Amino acid sequence: MNSKYVTLSHYNNDYDNDDYHIYDNYDFFEKNNCIIYHSSLEGYLMHPPIFSSASGNIWILIDIINQQLYFNLILRNIYQFQSCKLFIIDDNDDETEFLTLYHKSNNDLLNENIISNKLNIPHFNYFLSNLKDEKILICIETLSHPDGELAGYLKQIW
């Protein structure tokens, strides 16, 4: 992999809906004070572990200047998807819901199970502190597993 570039899009396609766009040039990240995180999402990371053939990946770009979060979520073999939530893990390993990244409405049709969005981040400094300490858990909820079918911890990749 070329160390100067990172692909945050799916199947080598770029996203460009409304003003949402995750750039693929590290120079952009440096100039604009951005941080990138990634997580692989699996059922065995749930508490208790869940046997599931579903899996996923999420890439999150944090725009420090504008205190915004851009994400790109790719899900595989997921059925009855409901939401993608972000939890903060405290020192006792208790999970506290912090932010819903996406919640499916009855009218939503997922395009190949790929979801992208941009959100403002509440309590930004608190969020950023927990993110740097790798205390952020992403959880995918489905109708059959309303407390979560897939989970993963965010790790900084840039």
Foldseek 3Di string as FASTA:
>chain_A
DPPQWDDQDPPPDWDDDDNDGDDTGVVVCVVQVKWKKKKKKAQVPDVPRDDDPKIKMKMWIARVVQQKIKMKIAIDPDPQWAFKWKWFQDPVRDTDTQDTPDGDDPPDDADNRIDIDMDHHPPSVVVVVSLVVQRMKIFIAGPVRNVGRIMTTIDTPD
